[in-house]
């Protein structure tokens, strides 16, 4: 018999809480891109995207510069 797993609700924070988490991630990552080490145009990237049930948790976020962020997304 196959059991159907129930989908876990994903954590999506309200805007003000997300901004606070965003800043915490930047501080955790020492205000550096975790791919190239750059310190300009920093963005916070979801390791598992929201569209694939990724959530807004510190463990799912990483600091990337704009160029590396685009490369990760294949743009």
N, C-alpha and C. Protein backbone atom coordinates (compact mmCIF):
# COMPACT_ATOMS: atom_id res chain seq x y z
N UNK A 1 0.84 -1.18 0.00
CA UNK A 1 0.00 0.00 0.00
C UNK A 1 0.89 1.24 0.00
N UNK A 2 0.62 2.18 -0.88
CA UNK A 2 1.39 3.41 -0.98
C UNK A 2 0.77 4.48 -0.09
N UNK A 3 1.61 5.07 0.72
CA UNK A 3 1.13 6.14 1.58
C UNK A 3 1.40 7.48 0.91
N UNK A 4 0.43 8.32 0.93
CA UNK A 4 0.58 9.66 0.37
C UNK A 4 1.04 10.58 1.50
N UNK A 5 2.20 11.19 1.28
CA UNK A 5 2.72 12.11 2.29
C UNK A 5 1.98 13.44 2.19
N UNK A 6 1.64 13.97 3.33
CA UNK A 6 1.00 15.28 3.33
C UNK A 6 2.07 16.35 3.15
N UNK A 7 1.71 17.39 2.45
CA UNK A 7 2.63 18.46 2.16
C UNK A 7 2.83 19.31 3.41
N UNK A 8 4.08 19.59 3.74
CA UNK A 8 4.38 20.45 4.87
C UNK A 8 4.14 21.89 4.46
N UNK A 9 3.49 22.67 5.32
CA UNK A 9 3.31 24.08 4.98
C UNK A 9 4.67 24.77 4.98
N UNK A 10 4.91 25.62 4.00
CA UNK A 10 6.20 26.29 3.95
C UNK A 10 6.12 27.59 4.75
N UNK A 11 7.24 27.98 5.26
CA UNK A 11 7.34 29.20 6.04
C UNK A 11 7.59 30.36 5.09
N UNK A 12 6.63 31.26 5.01
CA UNK A 12 6.80 32.48 4.24
C UNK A 12 6.49 33.63 5.18
N UNK A 13 7.51 34.39 5.50
CA UNK A 13 7.39 35.44 6.49
C UNK A 13 6.72 36.69 5.94
N UNK A 14 6.07 37.45 6.82
CA UNK A 14 5.57 38.77 6.42
C UNK A 14 6.76 39.66 6.03
N UNK A 15 6.52 40.68 5.24
CA UNK A 15 7.57 41.52 4.68
C UNK A 15 8.54 42.05 5.73
N UNK A 16 8.04 42.60 6.84
CA UNK A 16 8.93 43.19 7.84
C UNK A 16 9.82 42.14 8.49
N UNK A 17 9.29 40.96 8.75
CA UNK A 17 10.09 39.87 9.34
C UNK A 17 11.11 39.35 8.33
N UNK A 18 10.72 39.30 7.05
CA UNK A 18 11.64 38.85 6.01
C UNK A 18 12.82 39.82 5.88
N UNK A 19 12.54 41.12 5.95
CA UNK A 19 13.62 42.13 5.90
C UNK A 19 14.60 41.94 7.05
N UNK A 20 14.08 41.65 8.22
CA UNK A 20 14.92 41.40 9.39
C UNK A 20 15.80 40.15 9.17
N UNK A 21 15.18 39.09 8.66
CA UNK A 21 15.92 37.86 8.36
C UNK A 21 16.97 38.11 7.28
N UNK A 22 16.61 38.87 6.26
CA UNK A 22 17.51 39.24 5.17
C UNK A 22 18.78 39.88 5.74
N UNK A 23 18.61 40.81 6.64
CA UNK A 23 19.76 41.48 7.27
C UNK A 23 20.59 40.50 8.11
N UNK A 24 19.91 39.61 8.81
CA UNK A 24 20.62 38.61 9.62
C UNK A 24 21.49 37.71 8.73
N UNK A 25 20.96 37.33 7.57
CA UNK A 25 21.72 36.47 6.64
C UNK A 25 22.94 37.22 6.10
N UNK A 26 22.77 38.49 5.75
CA UNK A 26 23.90 39.29 5.29
C UNK A 26 24.97 39.38 6.37
N UNK A 27 24.56 39.60 7.62
CA UNK A 27 25.52 39.67 8.72
C UNK A 27 26.19 38.31 8.94
N UNK A 28 25.40 37.25 8.93
CA UNK A 28 25.95 35.90 9.11
C UNK A 28 27.03 35.60 8.07
N UNK A 29 26.79 36.04 6.83
CA UNK A 29 27.71 35.78 5.74
C UNK A 29 28.79 36.86 5.60
N UNK A 30 28.92 37.68 6.65
CA UNK A 30 29.96 38.72 6.73
C UNK A 30 29.90 39.71 5.56
N UNK A 31 28.70 39.98 5.07
CA UNK A 31 28.49 40.95 4.00
C UNK A 31 29.37 40.63 2.79
N UNK A 32 29.46 39.34 2.45
CA UNK A 32 30.24 38.89 1.29
C UNK A 32 29.45 37.86 0.50
N UNK A 33 29.62 37.91 -0.81
CA UNK A 33 29.04 36.89 -1.68
C UNK A 33 29.68 35.55 -1.31
N UNK A 34 28.88 34.56 -1.09
CA UNK A 34 29.39 33.25 -0.67
C UNK A 34 29.89 32.43 -1.85
N UNK A 35 29.83 33.00 -3.03
CA UNK A 35 30.33 32.32 -4.22
C UNK A 35 31.66 32.92 -4.68
N UNK A 36 31.74 34.26 -4.77
CA UNK A 36 32.96 34.89 -5.30
C UNK A 36 33.68 35.75 -4.27
N UNK A 37 33.04 36.03 -3.14
CA UNK A 37 33.67 36.85 -2.10
C UNK A 37 33.45 38.34 -2.28
N UNK A 38 32.73 38.73 -3.33
CA UNK A 38 32.48 40.15 -3.59
C UNK A 38 31.65 40.80 -2.48
N UNK A 39 31.75 42.13 -2.41
CA UNK A 39 31.04 42.86 -1.36
C UNK A 39 30.10 43.93 -1.90
N UNK A 40 29.82 43.90 -3.19
CA UNK A 40 28.92 44.91 -3.77
C UNK A 40 27.68 44.24 -4.34
N UNK A 41 26.61 45.03 -4.38
CA UNK A 41 25.33 44.58 -4.95
C UNK A 41 24.89 43.24 -4.37
N UNK A 42 24.91 43.13 -3.05
CA UNK A 42 24.57 41.87 -2.39
C UNK A 42 23.07 41.61 -2.38
N UNK A 43 22.72 40.36 -2.57
CA UNK A 43 21.33 39.91 -2.58
C UNK A 43 21.24 38.63 -1.76
N UNK A 44 20.06 38.32 -1.29
CA UNK A 44 19.86 37.08 -0.54
C UNK A 44 19.12 36.10 -1.44
N UNK A 45 19.70 34.91 -1.59
CA UNK A 45 19.19 33.89 -2.51
C UNK A 45 18.61 32.72 -1.73
N UNK A 46 17.47 32.21 -2.18
CA UNK A 46 16.88 30.99 -1.62
C UNK A 46 17.58 29.79 -2.25
N UNK A 47 18.17 28.93 -1.43
CA UNK A 47 18.82 27.72 -1.95
C UNK A 47 17.79 26.80 -2.59
N UNK A 48 16.66 26.63 -1.94
CA UNK A 48 15.53 25.92 -2.53
C UNK A 48 14.45 26.98 -2.76
N UNK A 49 14.13 27.22 -4.01
CA UNK A 49 13.24 28.33 -4.35
C UNK A 49 11.84 28.17 -3.75
N UNK A 50 11.19 29.29 -3.58
CA UNK A 50 9.82 29.28 -3.07
C UNK A 50 8.90 28.48 -3.97
N UNK A 51 9.15 28.55 -5.28
CA UNK A 51 8.29 27.83 -6.23
C UNK A 51 8.43 26.32 -6.10
N UNK A 52 9.51 25.87 -5.44
CA UNK A 52 9.71 24.44 -5.21
C UNK A 52 9.54 24.12 -3.73
N UNK A 53 8.67 24.88 -3.08
CA UNK A 53 8.33 24.72 -1.66
C UNK A 53 9.47 25.09 -0.72
N UNK A 54 10.41 25.90 -1.19
CA UNK A 54 11.45 26.42 -0.30
C UNK A 54 10.85 27.45 0.62
N UNK A 55 11.43 27.57 1.80
CA UNK A 55 10.84 28.51 2.75
C UNK A 55 11.78 29.66 3.08
N UNK A 56 11.25 30.58 3.84
CA UNK A 56 12.00 31.75 4.30
C UNK A 56 12.63 31.42 5.65
N UNK A 57 13.65 30.58 5.64
CA UNK A 57 14.36 30.25 6.86
C UNK A 57 15.83 30.56 6.66
N UNK A 58 16.53 30.83 7.74
CA UNK A 58 17.94 31.17 7.65
C UNK A 58 18.75 30.08 6.97
N UNK A 59 18.39 28.83 7.19
CA UNK A 59 19.12 27.70 6.60
C UNK A 59 18.92 27.61 5.09
N UNK A 60 17.88 28.24 4.57
CA UNK A 60 17.58 28.17 3.14
C UNK A 60 18.04 29.42 2.39
N UNK A 61 18.74 30.32 3.07
CA UNK A 61 19.14 31.59 2.46
C UNK A 61 20.66 31.73 2.46
N UNK A 62 21.17 32.37 1.41
CA UNK A 62 22.61 32.59 1.26
C UNK A 62 22.82 33.95 0.59
N UNK A 63 23.93 34.60 0.91
CA UNK A 63 24.27 35.89 0.32
C UNK A 63 25.03 35.68 -0.98
N UNK A 64 24.55 36.34 -2.04
CA UNK A 64 25.23 36.33 -3.33
C UNK A 64 25.26 37.75 -3.88
N UNK A 65 26.28 38.06 -4.67
CA UNK A 65 26.28 39.34 -5.37
C UNK A 65 25.31 39.22 -6.55
N UNK A 66 24.94 40.34 -7.14
CA UNK A 66 23.99 40.32 -8.24
C UNK A 66 24.43 39.46 -9.40
N UNK A 67 25.73 39.52 -9.76
CA UNK A 67 26.24 38.70 -10.88
C UNK A 67 26.14 37.22 -10.60
N UNK A 68 26.59 36.81 -9.41
CA UNK A 68 26.53 35.38 -9.06
C UNK A 68 25.08 34.92 -8.93
N UNK A 69 24.20 35.78 -8.44
CA UNK A 69 22.80 35.43 -8.29
C UNK A 69 22.19 35.14 -9.66
N UNK A 70 22.51 36.00 -10.64
CA UNK A 70 22.01 35.77 -12.01
C UNK A 70 22.57 34.48 -12.59
N UNK A 71 23.85 34.21 -12.34
CA UNK A 71 24.47 32.98 -12.85
C UNK A 71 23.81 31.74 -12.26
N UNK A 72 23.49 31.79 -10.97
CA UNK A 72 22.83 30.66 -10.32
C UNK A 72 21.48 30.38 -10.97
N UNK A 73 20.79 31.45 -11.39
CA UNK A 73 19.48 31.31 -12.02
C UNK A 73 19.58 31.11 -13.52
N UNK A 74 20.79 31.10 -14.06
CA UNK A 74 20.97 30.84 -15.48
C UNK A 74 20.59 32.01 -16.37
N UNK A 75 20.68 33.21 -15.86
CA UNK A 75 20.33 34.41 -16.66
C UNK A 75 21.53 35.03 -17.31
